[in-house]
Full PDB file with SEQRES, HELIX, SHEET, SSBOND, CRYST1, ORIGX, SCALE, CONECT and MASTER records, all heavy atoms in Angstrom:
SEQRES   1 A   38  LYS ILE SER GLN VAL THR GLY ASP TYR ILE LEU PRO LEU          
SEQRES   2 A   38  LYS LYS LEU VAL ARG GLU LYS ILE PHE GLN LEU THR ILE          
SEQRES   3 A   38  LYS ASP GLY GLU ASN PHE GLY VAL ILE MET PRO THR              
HELIX    1 AA1 ILE A    2  THR A    6  1                                   5    
HELIX    2 AA2 LEU A   13  GLU A   19  1                                   7    
CRYST1    1.000    1.000    1.000  90.00  90.00  90.00 P 1           1          
ORIGX1      1.000000  0.000000  0.000000        0.00000                         
ORIGX2      0.000000  1.000000  0.000000        0.00000                         
ORIGX3      0.000000  0.000000  1.000000        0.00000                         
SCALE1      1.000000  0.000000  0.000000        0.00000                         
SCALE2      0.000000  1.000000  0.000000        0.00000                         
SCALE3      0.000000  0.000000  1.000000        0.00000                         
ATOM      1  N   LYS A   1      19.593  13.983   4.939  1.00  0.00           N  
ATOM      2  CA  LYS A   1      19.505  14.241   6.449  1.00  0.00           C  
ATOM      3  C   LYS A   1      20.770  14.543   7.120  1.00  0.00           C  
ATOM      4  O   LYS A   1      20.925  15.392   7.868  1.00  0.00           O  
ATOM      5  CB  LYS A   1      18.776  13.162   7.068  1.00  0.00           C  
ATOM      6  CG  LYS A   1      17.186  12.974   6.731  1.00  0.00           C  
ATOM      7  CD  LYS A   1      16.446  14.339   7.101  1.00  0.00           C  
ATOM      8  CE  LYS A   1      15.123  14.390   6.700  1.00  0.00           C  
ATOM      9  NZ  LYS A   1      14.383  15.605   6.976  1.00  0.00           N  
ATOM     10  N   ILE A   2      21.824  13.647   6.734  1.00  0.00           N  
ATOM     11  CA  ILE A   2      23.141  13.983   7.226  1.00  0.00           C  
ATOM     12  C   ILE A   2      23.756  15.237   6.673  1.00  0.00           C  
ATOM     13  O   ILE A   2      24.248  16.119   7.390  1.00  0.00           O  
ATOM     14  CB  ILE A   2      24.096  12.803   6.872  1.00  0.00           C  
ATOM     15  CG1 ILE A   2      23.576  11.485   7.550  1.00  0.00           C  
ATOM     16  CG2 ILE A   2      25.488  13.156   7.313  1.00  0.00           C  
ATOM     17  CD1 ILE A   2      24.493  10.278   7.289  1.00  0.00           C  
ATOM     18  N   SER A   3      23.393  15.546   5.427  1.00  0.00           N  
ATOM     19  CA  SER A   3      23.842  16.847   4.861  1.00  0.00           C  
ATOM     20  C   SER A   3      23.305  18.057   5.625  1.00  0.00           C  
ATOM     21  O   SER A   3      23.871  19.151   5.792  1.00  0.00           O  
ATOM     22  CB  SER A   3      23.469  16.854   3.381  1.00  0.00           C  
ATOM     23  OG  SER A   3      23.741  18.188   2.808  1.00  0.00           O  
ATOM     24  N   GLN A   4      21.925  17.858   5.941  1.00  0.00           N  
ATOM     25  CA  GLN A   4      21.282  19.038   6.633  1.00  0.00           C  
ATOM     26  C   GLN A   4      21.945  19.314   8.036  1.00  0.00           C  
ATOM     27  O   GLN A   4      21.987  20.460   8.415  1.00  0.00           O  
ATOM     28  CB  GLN A   4      19.822  18.738   6.845  1.00  0.00           C  
ATOM     29  CG  GLN A   4      19.006  18.751   5.629  1.00  0.00           C  
ATOM     30  CD  GLN A   4      17.576  18.148   5.717  1.00  0.00           C  
ATOM     31  OE1 GLN A   4      17.189  17.904   6.891  1.00  0.00           O  
ATOM     32  NE2 GLN A   4      16.887  17.841   4.669  1.00  0.00           N  
ATOM     33  N   VAL A   5      22.508  18.261   8.659  1.00  0.00           N  
ATOM     34  CA  VAL A   5      23.087  18.415   9.922  1.00  0.00           C  
ATOM     35  C   VAL A   5      24.504  18.878   9.863  1.00  0.00           C  
ATOM     36  O   VAL A   5      24.940  19.787  10.620  1.00  0.00           O  
ATOM     37  CB  VAL A   5      22.990  17.099  10.788  1.00  0.00           C  
ATOM     38  CG1 VAL A   5      23.805  17.227  12.026  1.00  0.00           C  
ATOM     39  CG2 VAL A   5      21.586  16.768  11.149  1.00  0.00           C  
ATOM     40  N   THR A   6      25.292  18.352   8.841  1.00  0.00           N  
ATOM     41  CA  THR A   6      26.697  18.619   8.831  1.00  0.00           C  
ATOM     42  C   THR A   6      27.155  19.734   7.838  1.00  0.00           C  
ATOM     43  O   THR A   6      28.194  20.324   7.913  1.00  0.00           O  
ATOM     44  CB  THR A   6      27.506  17.388   8.304  1.00  0.00           C  
ATOM     45  OG1 THR A   6      27.012  16.986   7.005  1.00  0.00           O  
ATOM     46  CG2 THR A   6      27.231  16.177   9.285  1.00  0.00           C  
ATOM     47  N   GLY A   7      26.212  20.058   6.830  1.00  0.00           N  
ATOM     48  CA  GLY A   7      26.453  20.977   5.846  1.00  0.00           C  
ATOM     49  C   GLY A   7      27.250  20.409   4.648  1.00  0.00           C  
ATOM     50  O   GLY A   7      27.666  21.154   3.771  1.00  0.00           O  
ATOM     51  N   ASP A   8      27.615  19.116   4.801  1.00  0.00           N  
ATOM     52  CA  ASP A   8      28.389  18.512   3.638  1.00  0.00           C  
ATOM     53  C   ASP A   8      27.526  18.329   2.455  1.00  0.00           C  
ATOM     54  O   ASP A   8      26.188  18.048   2.494  1.00  0.00           O  
ATOM     55  CB  ASP A   8      28.873  17.106   4.005  1.00  0.00           C  
ATOM     56  CG  ASP A   8      29.809  17.201   5.206  1.00  0.00           C  
ATOM     57  OD1 ASP A   8      30.563  18.140   5.284  1.00  0.00           O  
ATOM     58  OD2 ASP A   8      29.814  16.295   6.005  1.00  0.00           O  
ATOM     59  N   TYR A   9      27.946  18.381   1.214  1.00  0.00           N  
ATOM     60  CA  TYR A   9      27.217  18.229  -0.046  1.00  0.00           C  
ATOM     61  C   TYR A   9      27.127  16.846  -0.361  1.00  0.00           C  
ATOM     62  O   TYR A   9      27.944  16.004   0.031  1.00  0.00           O  
ATOM     63  CB  TYR A   9      27.797  19.099  -1.125  1.00  0.00           C  
ATOM     64  CG  TYR A   9      29.133  18.578  -1.750  1.00  0.00           C  
ATOM     65  CD1 TYR A   9      29.185  17.736  -2.770  1.00  0.00           C  
ATOM     66  CD2 TYR A   9      30.314  19.094  -1.097  1.00  0.00           C  
ATOM     67  CE1 TYR A   9      30.421  17.429  -3.260  1.00  0.00           C  
ATOM     68  CE2 TYR A   9      31.641  18.639  -1.557  1.00  0.00           C  
ATOM     69  CZ  TYR A   9      31.674  17.755  -2.699  1.00  0.00           C  
ATOM     70  OH  TYR A   9      32.788  17.366  -3.132  1.00  0.00           O  
ATOM     71  N   ILE A  10      26.065  16.478  -1.028  1.00  0.00           N  
ATOM     72  CA  ILE A  10      25.865  15.095  -1.449  1.00  0.00           C  
ATOM     73  C   ILE A  10      26.133  14.874  -3.025  1.00  0.00           C  
ATOM     74  O   ILE A  10      25.997  15.883  -3.865  1.00  0.00           O  
ATOM     75  CB  ILE A  10      24.323  14.676  -1.213  1.00  0.00           C  
ATOM     76  CG1 ILE A  10      23.365  15.395  -2.085  1.00  0.00           C  
ATOM     77  CG2 ILE A  10      24.028  14.759   0.313  1.00  0.00           C  
ATOM     78  CD1 ILE A  10      21.991  14.837  -1.903  1.00  0.00           C  
ATOM     79  N   LEU A  11      26.592  13.727  -3.272  1.00  0.00           N  
ATOM     80  CA  LEU A  11      27.025  13.475  -4.657  1.00  0.00           C  
ATOM     81  C   LEU A  11      26.598  12.029  -5.046  1.00  0.00           C  
ATOM     82  O   LEU A  11      26.931  11.048  -4.416  1.00  0.00           O  
ATOM     83  CB  LEU A  11      28.524  13.507  -4.711  1.00  0.00           C  
ATOM     84  CG  LEU A  11      29.287  13.194  -6.077  1.00  0.00           C  
ATOM     85  CD1 LEU A  11      28.871  14.354  -7.052  1.00  0.00           C  
ATOM     86  CD2 LEU A  11      30.772  13.213  -5.833  1.00  0.00           C  
ATOM     87  N   PRO A  12      25.620  11.973  -6.040  1.00  0.00           N  
ATOM     88  CA  PRO A  12      25.246  10.583  -6.506  1.00  0.00           C  
ATOM     89  C   PRO A  12      26.156   9.799  -7.309  1.00  0.00           C  
ATOM     90  O   PRO A  12      26.870  10.373  -8.140  1.00  0.00           O  
ATOM     91  CB  PRO A  12      23.970  10.987  -7.321  1.00  0.00           C  
ATOM     92  CG  PRO A  12      24.285  12.402  -7.890  1.00  0.00           C  
ATOM     93  CD  PRO A  12      25.014  13.017  -6.796  1.00  0.00           C  
ATOM     94  N   LEU A  13      26.392   8.552  -6.868  1.00  0.00           N  
ATOM     95  CA  LEU A  13      27.222   7.640  -7.529  1.00  0.00           C  
ATOM     96  C   LEU A  13      26.852   7.542  -8.997  1.00  0.00           C  
ATOM     97  O   LEU A  13      27.730   7.425  -9.877  1.00  0.00           O  
ATOM     98  CB  LEU A  13      27.348   6.289  -6.845  1.00  0.00           C  
ATOM     99  CG  LEU A  13      28.141   5.237  -7.465  1.00  0.00           C  
ATOM    100  CD1 LEU A  13      29.622   5.553  -7.556  1.00  0.00           C  
ATOM    101  CD2 LEU A  13      27.933   3.880  -6.741  1.00  0.00           C  
ATOM    102  N   LYS A  14      25.579   7.558  -9.274  1.00  0.00           N  
ATOM    103  CA  LYS A  14      25.075   7.435 -10.584  1.00  0.00           C  
ATOM    104  C   LYS A  14      25.653   8.438 -11.591  1.00  0.00           C  
ATOM    105  O   LYS A  14      25.994   8.149 -12.739  1.00  0.00           O  
ATOM    106  CB  LYS A  14      23.560   7.500 -10.651  1.00  0.00           C  
ATOM    107  CG  LYS A  14      22.934   7.396 -12.004  1.00  0.00           C  
ATOM    108  CD  LYS A  14      21.385   7.190 -11.919  1.00  0.00           C  
ATOM    109  CE  LYS A  14      20.710   8.360 -11.244  1.00  0.00           C  
ATOM    110  NZ  LYS A  14      19.233   8.189 -11.292  1.00  0.00           N  
ATOM    111  N   LYS A  15      25.701   9.665 -11.126  1.00  0.00           N  
ATOM    112  CA  LYS A  15      26.322  10.800 -11.872  1.00  0.00           C  
ATOM    113  C   LYS A  15      27.803  10.502 -12.271  1.00  0.00           C  
ATOM    114  O   LYS A  15      28.243  10.620 -13.316  1.00  0.00           O  
ATOM    115  CB  LYS A  15      26.181  12.117 -11.118  1.00  0.00           C  
ATOM    116  CG  LYS A  15      26.969  13.259 -11.747  1.00  0.00           C  
ATOM    117  CD  LYS A  15      26.879  14.514 -10.893  1.00  0.00           C  
ATOM    118  CE  LYS A  15      27.671  15.629 -11.442  1.00  0.00           C  
ATOM    119  NZ  LYS A  15      27.193  16.191 -12.751  1.00  0.00           N  
ATOM    120  N   LEU A  16      28.593  10.002 -11.221  1.00  0.00           N  
ATOM    121  CA  LEU A  16      30.014   9.609 -11.420  1.00  0.00           C  
ATOM    122  C   LEU A  16      30.096   8.602 -12.486  1.00  0.00           C  
ATOM    123  O   LEU A  16      31.010   8.620 -13.320  1.00  0.00           O  
ATOM    124  CB  LEU A  16      30.610   9.351 -10.111  1.00  0.00           C  
ATOM    125  CG  LEU A  16      30.573  10.350  -8.992  1.00  0.00           C  
ATOM    126  CD1 LEU A  16      31.324   9.892  -7.782  1.00  0.00           C  
ATOM    127  CD2 LEU A  16      31.237  11.676  -9.371  1.00  0.00           C  
ATOM    128  N   VAL A  17      29.294   7.580 -12.264  1.00  0.00           N  
ATOM    129  CA  VAL A  17      29.427   6.397 -13.317  1.00  0.00           C  
ATOM    130  C   VAL A  17      29.077   6.835 -14.688  1.00  0.00           C  
ATOM    131  O   VAL A  17      29.794   6.514 -15.633  1.00  0.00           O  
ATOM    132  CB  VAL A  17      28.526   5.286 -12.707  1.00  0.00           C  
ATOM    133  CG1 VAL A  17      28.428   4.158 -13.812  1.00  0.00           C  
ATOM    134  CG2 VAL A  17      29.096   4.717 -11.427  1.00  0.00           C  
ATOM    135  N   ARG A  18      28.020   7.526 -14.814  1.00  0.00           N  
ATOM    136  CA  ARG A  18      27.528   7.880 -16.111  1.00  0.00           C  
ATOM    137  C   ARG A  18      28.497   8.831 -16.822  1.00  0.00           C  
ATOM    138  O   ARG A  18      28.755   8.743 -18.010  1.00  0.00           O  
ATOM    139  CB  ARG A  18      26.226   8.615 -16.067  1.00  0.00           C  
ATOM    140  CG  ARG A  18      25.019   7.683 -15.868  1.00  0.00           C  
ATOM    141  CD  ARG A  18      23.721   8.403 -15.811  1.00  0.00           C  
ATOM    142  NE  ARG A  18      22.590   7.584 -16.113  1.00  0.00           N  
ATOM    143  CZ  ARG A  18      21.219   7.982 -16.027  1.00  0.00           C  
ATOM    144  NH1 ARG A  18      20.958   9.200 -15.612  1.00  0.00           N  
ATOM    145  NH2 ARG A  18      20.363   7.171 -16.235  1.00  0.00           N  
ATOM    146  N   GLU A  19      29.153   9.859 -16.010  1.00  0.00           N  
ATOM    147  CA  GLU A  19      30.090  10.638 -16.584  1.00  0.00           C  
ATOM    148  C   GLU A  19      31.482  10.263 -16.546  1.00  0.00           C  
ATOM    149  O   GLU A  19      32.429  11.044 -16.860  1.00  0.00           O  
ATOM    150  CB  GLU A  19      29.879  12.093 -15.844  1.00  0.00           C  
ATOM    151  CG  GLU A  19      28.478  12.690 -16.033  1.00  0.00           C  
ATOM    152  CD  GLU A  19      28.300  14.010 -15.352  1.00  0.00           C  
ATOM    153  OE1 GLU A  19      29.261  14.616 -14.862  1.00  0.00           O  
ATOM    154  OE2 GLU A  19      27.187  14.476 -15.261  1.00  0.00           O  
ATOM    155  N   LYS A  20      31.725   9.015 -16.105  1.00  0.00           N  
ATOM    156  CA  LYS A  20      33.099   8.512 -16.009  1.00  0.00           C  
ATOM    157  C   LYS A  20      34.063   9.308 -15.230  1.00  0.00           C  
ATOM    158  O   LYS A  20      35.153   9.605 -15.655  1.00  0.00           O  
ATOM    159  CB  LYS A  20      33.643   8.188 -17.389  1.00  0.00           C  
ATOM    160  CG  LYS A  20      32.775   7.152 -18.081  1.00  0.00           C  
ATOM    161  CD  LYS A  20      33.401   6.848 -19.573  1.00  0.00           C  
ATOM    162  CE  LYS A  20      32.658   5.557 -20.180  1.00  0.00           C  
ATOM    163  NZ  LYS A  20      31.227   5.704 -20.232  1.00  0.00           N  
ATOM    164  N   ILE A  21      33.610   9.805 -14.032  1.00  0.00           N  
ATOM    165  CA  ILE A  21      34.308  10.601 -13.141  1.00  0.00           C  
ATOM    166  C   ILE A  21      34.960   9.653 -12.021  1.00  0.00           C  
ATOM    167  O   ILE A  21      34.125   9.189 -11.210  1.00  0.00           O  
ATOM    168  CB  ILE A  21      33.589  11.721 -12.510  1.00  0.00           C  
ATOM    169  CG1 ILE A  21      33.034  12.705 -13.556  1.00  0.00           C  
ATOM    170  CG2 ILE A  21      34.433  12.533 -11.495  1.00  0.00           C  
ATOM    171  CD1 ILE A  21      32.073  13.683 -13.064  1.00  0.00           C  
ATOM    172  N   PHE A  22      36.194   9.361 -12.164  1.00  0.00           N  
ATOM    173  CA  PHE A  22      36.772   8.453 -11.154  1.00  0.00           C  
ATOM    174  C   PHE A  22      37.761   8.969 -10.129  1.00  0.00           C  
ATOM    175  O   PHE A  22      38.228   8.309  -9.274  1.00  0.00           O  
ATOM    176  CB  PHE A  22      37.561   7.294 -11.960  1.00  0.00           C  
ATOM    177  CG  PHE A  22      36.564   6.464 -12.784  1.00  0.00           C  
ATOM    178  CD1 PHE A  22      36.406   6.689 -14.133  1.00  0.00           C  
ATOM    179  CD2 PHE A  22      35.810   5.472 -12.249  1.00  0.00           C  
ATOM    180  CE1 PHE A  22      35.524   5.894 -14.833  1.00  0.00           C  
ATOM    181  CE2 PHE A  22      34.916   4.796 -12.858  1.00  0.00           C  
ATOM    182  CZ  PHE A  22      34.735   4.930 -14.344  1.00  0.00           C  
ATOM    183  N   GLN A  23      37.965  10.229 -10.340  1.00  0.00           N  
ATOM    184  CA  GLN A  23      39.001  10.971  -9.260  1.00  0.00           C  
ATOM    185  C   GLN A  23      38.185  11.997  -8.498  1.00  0.00           C  
ATOM    186  O   GLN A  23      37.513  12.794  -8.999  1.00  0.00           O  
ATOM    187  CB  GLN A  23      40.103  11.597  -9.913  1.00  0.00           C  
ATOM    188  CG  GLN A  23      41.048  12.262  -8.966  1.00  0.00           C  
ATOM    189  CD  GLN A  23      42.320  12.803  -9.671  1.00  0.00           C  
ATOM    190  OE1 GLN A  23      43.121  11.947 -10.276  1.00  0.00           O  
ATOM    191  NE2 GLN A  23      42.691  14.001  -9.597  1.00  0.00           N  
ATOM    192  N   LEU A  24      38.200  11.769  -7.144  1.00  0.00           N  
ATOM    193  CA  LEU A  24      37.487  12.680  -6.244  1.00  0.00           C  
ATOM    194  C   LEU A  24      38.489  13.337  -5.348  1.00  0.00           C  
ATOM    195  O   LEU A  24      39.370  12.593  -4.773  1.00  0.00           O  
ATOM    196  CB  LEU A  24      36.418  12.017  -5.570  1.00  0.00           C  
ATOM    197  CG  LEU A  24      35.279  11.381  -6.317  1.00  0.00           C  
ATOM    198  CD1 LEU A  24      34.298  10.613  -5.330  1.00  0.00           C  
ATOM    199  CD2 LEU A  24      34.436  12.507  -6.999  1.00  0.00           C  
ATOM    200  N   THR A  25      38.386  14.621  -5.017  1.00  0.00           N  
ATOM    201  CA  THR A  25      39.336  15.272  -4.150  1.00  0.00           C  
ATOM    202  C   THR A  25      38.483  15.750  -2.952  1.00  0.00           C  
ATOM    203  O   THR A  25      37.530  16.428  -3.039  1.00  0.00           O  
ATOM    204  CB  THR A  25      40.002  16.502  -4.755  1.00  0.00           C  
ATOM    205  OG1 THR A  25      40.766  16.081  -5.963  1.00  0.00           O  
ATOM    206  CG2 THR A  25      40.940  17.236  -3.865  1.00  0.00           C  
ATOM    207  N   ILE A  26      39.004  15.283  -1.753  1.00  0.00           N  
ATOM    208  CA  ILE A  26      38.375  15.687  -0.479  1.00  0.00           C  
ATOM    209  C   ILE A  26      39.178  16.733   0.175  1.00  0.00           C  
ATOM    210  O   ILE A  26      40.356  16.417   0.474  1.00  0.00           O  
ATOM    211  CB  ILE A  26      38.065  14.435   0.378  1.00  0.00           C  
ATOM    212  CG1 ILE A  26      37.149  13.426  -0.254  1.00  0.00           C  
ATOM    213  CG2 ILE A  26      37.522  14.832   1.773  1.00  0.00           C  
ATOM    214  CD1 ILE A  26      37.853  12.435  -1.202  1.00  0.00           C  
ATOM    215  N   LYS A  27      38.751  17.969   0.278  1.00  0.00           N  
ATOM    216  CA  LYS A  27      39.554  19.045   0.784  1.00  0.00           C  
ATOM    217  C   LYS A  27      39.924  18.828   2.414  1.00  0.00           C  
ATOM    218  O   LYS A  27      39.178  18.090   3.099  1.00  0.00           O  
ATOM    219  CB  LYS A  27      38.855  20.381   0.600  1.00  0.00           C  
ATOM    220  CG  LYS A  27      38.561  20.635  -0.832  1.00  0.00           C  
ATOM    221  CD  LYS A  27      37.888  21.950  -0.981  1.00  0.00           C  
ATOM    222  CE  LYS A  27      37.579  22.235  -2.483  1.00  0.00           C  
ATOM    223  NZ  LYS A  27      36.848  23.629  -2.624  1.00  0.00           N  
ATOM    224  N   ASP A  28      40.918  19.485   2.784  1.00  0.00           N  
ATOM    225  CA  ASP A  28      41.381  19.384   4.221  1.00  0.00           C  
ATOM    226  C   ASP A  28      40.137  19.769   5.034  1.00  0.00           C  
ATOM    227  O   ASP A  28      39.528  20.941   4.850  1.00  0.00           O  
ATOM    228  CB  ASP A  28      42.482  20.364   4.467  1.00  0.00           C  
ATOM    229  CG  ASP A  28      43.156  20.174   5.813  1.00  0.00           C  
ATOM    230  OD1 ASP A  28      43.042  19.116   6.391  1.00  0.00           O  
ATOM    231  OD2 ASP A  28      43.757  21.189   6.315  1.00  0.00           O  
ATOM    232  N   GLY A  29      39.860  19.094   6.097  1.00  0.00           N  
ATOM    233  CA  GLY A  29      38.796  19.435   7.065  1.00  0.00           C  
ATOM    234  C   GLY A  29      37.485  18.949   6.621  1.00  0.00           C  
ATOM    235  O   GLY A  29      36.492  18.960   7.370  1.00  0.00           O  
ATOM    236  N   GLU A  30      37.365  18.324   5.470  1.00  0.00           N  
ATOM    237  CA  GLU A  30      36.099  17.885   4.916  1.00  0.00           C  
ATOM    238  C   GLU A  30      35.693  16.402   5.319  1.00  0.00           C  
ATOM    239  O   GLU A  30      36.630  15.615   5.361  1.00  0.00           O  
ATOM    240  CB  GLU A  30      36.098  17.958   3.320  1.00  0.00           C  
ATOM    241  CG  GLU A  30      34.712  17.666   2.677  1.00  0.00           C  
ATOM    242  CD  GLU A  30      34.844  17.835   1.138  1.00  0.00           C  
ATOM    243  OE1 GLU A  30      35.875  18.350   0.587  1.00  0.00           O  
ATOM    244  OE2 GLU A  30      33.843  17.430   0.557  1.00  0.00           O  
ATOM    245  N   ASN A  31      34.505  16.176   5.660  1.00  0.00           N  
ATOM    246  CA  ASN A  31      34.110  14.793   5.918  1.00  0.00           C  
ATOM    247  C   ASN A  31      33.979  14.049   4.616  1.00  0.00           C  
ATOM    248  O   ASN A  31      33.643  14.618   3.494  1.00  0.00           O  
ATOM    249  CB  ASN A  31      32.735  14.757   6.608  1.00  0.00           C  
ATOM    250  CG  ASN A  31      32.684  15.461   7.967  1.00  0.00           C  
ATOM    251  OD1 ASN A  31      33.745  15.368   8.663  1.00  0.00           O  
ATOM    252  ND2 ASN A  31      31.566  15.929   8.405  1.00  0.00           N  
ATOM    253  N   PHE A  32      34.127  12.778   4.689  1.00  0.00           N  
ATOM    254  CA  PHE A  32      33.919  11.863   3.547  1.00  0.00           C  
ATOM    255  C   PHE A  32      32.958  10.724   4.045  1.00  0.00           C  
ATOM    256  O   PHE A  32      33.451   9.851   4.709  1.00  0.00           O  
ATOM    257  CB  PHE A  32      35.201  11.322   2.901  1.00  0.00           C  
ATOM    258  CG  PHE A  32      34.979  10.474   1.763  1.00  0.00           C  
ATOM    259  CD1 PHE A  32      34.361  10.922   0.613  1.00  0.00           C  
ATOM    260  CD2 PHE A  32      35.384   9.027   1.870  1.00  0.00           C  
ATOM    261  CE1 PHE A  32      34.178  10.050  -0.520  1.00  0.00           C  
ATOM    262  CE2 PHE A  32      35.170   8.219   0.775  1.00  0.00           C  
ATOM    263  CZ  PHE A  32      34.519   8.734  -0.450  1.00  0.00           C  
ATOM    264  N   GLY A  33      31.745  10.809   3.520  1.00  0.00           N  
ATOM    265  CA  GLY A  33      30.776   9.671   3.961  1.00  0.00           C  
ATOM    266  C   GLY A  33      30.368   8.920   2.709  1.00  0.00           C  
ATOM    267  O   GLY A  33      30.293   9.507   1.530  1.00  0.00           O  
ATOM    268  N   VAL A  34      30.080   7.619   2.844  1.00  0.00           N  
ATOM    269  CA  VAL A  34      29.581   6.768   1.716  1.00  0.00           C  
ATOM    270  C   VAL A  34      28.370   6.140   2.262  1.00  0.00           C  
ATOM    271  O   VAL A  34      28.274   5.565   3.452  1.00  0.00           O  
ATOM    272  CB  VAL A  34      30.615   5.732   1.354  1.00  0.00           C  
ATOM    273  CG1 VAL A  34      30.083   4.881   0.245  1.00  0.00           C  
ATOM    274  CG2 VAL A  34      31.872   6.355   0.969  1.00  0.00           C  
ATOM    275  N   ILE A  35      27.263   6.186   1.530  1.00  0.00           N  
ATOM    276  CA  ILE A  35      25.996   5.670   1.923  1.00  0.00           C  
ATOM    277  C   ILE A  35      25.574   4.695   0.752  1.00  0.00           C  
ATOM    278  O   ILE A  35      25.241   5.098  -0.341  1.00  0.00           O  
ATOM    279  CB  ILE A  35      24.907   6.726   2.112  1.00  0.00           C  
ATOM    280  CG1 ILE A  35      25.435   7.754   3.315  1.00  0.00           C  
ATOM    281  CG2 ILE A  35      23.598   6.179   2.566  1.00  0.00           C  
ATOM    282  CD1 ILE A  35      24.581   8.977   3.378  1.00  0.00           C  
ATOM    283  N   MET A  36      25.389   3.423   1.190  1.00  0.00           N  
ATOM    284  CA  MET A  36      25.003   2.389   0.213  1.00  0.00           C  
ATOM    285  C   MET A  36      23.974   1.471   0.682  1.00  0.00           C  
ATOM    286  O   MET A  36      23.913   1.197   1.937  1.00  0.00           O  
ATOM    287  CB  MET A  36      26.293   1.624  -0.177  1.00  0.00           C  
ATOM    288  CG  MET A  36      27.388   2.329  -0.880  1.00  0.00           C  
ATOM    289  SD  MET A  36      26.874   2.616  -2.615  1.00  0.00           S  
ATOM    290  CE  MET A  36      27.562   4.277  -2.806  1.00  0.00           C  
ATOM    291  N   PRO A  37      23.121   0.823  -0.210  1.00  0.00           N  
ATOM    292  CA  PRO A  37      22.204  -0.061   0.259  1.00  0.00           C  
ATOM    293  C   PRO A  37      22.817  -1.468   0.317  1.00  0.00           C  
ATOM    294  O   PRO A  37      23.872  -1.678  -0.329  1.00  0.00           O  
ATOM    295  CB  PRO A  37      21.134  -0.056  -0.935  1.00  0.00           C  
ATOM    296  CG  PRO A  37      21.910   0.300  -2.157  1.00  0.00           C  
ATOM    297  CD  PRO A  37      22.971   1.220  -1.648  1.00  0.00           C  
ATOM    298  N   THR A  38      22.229  -2.395   1.047  1.00  0.00           N  
ATOM    299  CA  THR A  38      22.755  -3.721   1.214  1.00  0.00           C  
ATOM    300  C   THR A  38      22.133  -4.546   0.090  1.00  0.00           C  
ATOM    301  O   THR A  38      20.932  -4.631  -0.022  1.00  0.00           O  
ATOM    302  CB  THR A  38      22.353  -4.361   2.568  1.00  0.00           C  
ATOM    303  OG1 THR A  38      22.938  -3.521   3.625  1.00  0.00           O  
ATOM    304  CG2 THR A  38      22.955  -5.726   2.721  1.00  0.00           C  
TER     305      THR A  38                                                      
MASTER        0    0    0    2    0    0    0    6  304    1    0    3          
END                                                                             
């Protein structure tokens, strides 16, 4: 829903953990949001 409003792309943490991707680059002007359950 946030992506639909802002146009930002979504990235599942599960994918990063499984593929062992630990470096993320956030481009100039880009939002960085984190959405987690309690």
